[in-house]
Amino acid sequence: MRAAELSTLVERARQGESAAYDTLVDLYANRLYGYLYRLTGSRTEAEDLFQEVFVRVVRMLPAYRDDGRFEGWLFRIATNLVRDHVRRLMRNPPGLSMNWEWQGDGDARPGSWEPFADEAAHAPDRGMRLSEDVDALQRALAELSAPEREVVMLRHFSEMSFADIAQAMGTPLGTALARAHRGLAKLRRIMGAADDA
């Protein structure tokens, strides 16, 4: 969907048009659910968080100021919900542990949160480790410049093509590619330094 069409759709949803809101849900459902599933490793948790994301969107949409970055806003809501979910897990852990790993393929796409089934997955500190991993990623993302962070989030968490990212951000394709490359290089360096500490 083009940026102008998305802005119109968002504005219609802001004004309370339920059909526009339903279209937004349909537009982002697969990518958002995939993102939540990769972070949680659980279909049930991803479904619950997915519903909560759109509940929050309904509440927050009237105050949303359209700056052409709706997807980034939507995925930030999802990320914050996952962090809240992790904090709740720390208080009452269910028996799930995750592992973040970067894949070094040609597309430089990150891996995903994957459940691992070894004895460590049942350790008493699993909720704390998951929270620490999510917090470390959040801190690393926060160290990127805003444009680099936005490109990384849009590319790897909402799975947009670089052409779509460039169009959404109003930048040339080369600029979007360069920001992604710099952002991923910084994330690897930051996350590597955190692992060494």
Foldseek 3Di string as FASTA:
>chain_A
DALVVLVVLLVCVLVPDVVSLVVVCVVQVVLQLVLLCLLFVDNVRSVVLSVVLSVVCSVCSNVDDDPLQVVLVSVVSSLVVVLVVLVVCLVPPDQWAWDWAWDDDPVRATHTTHTDDDPVSRDNCRSVVSNVVSVLLVVLLVPADPLLSSLNCCCHRSVDDLVNVCSSVVHDSVVSVVSPVVSSVSSVVSVVVVVVD
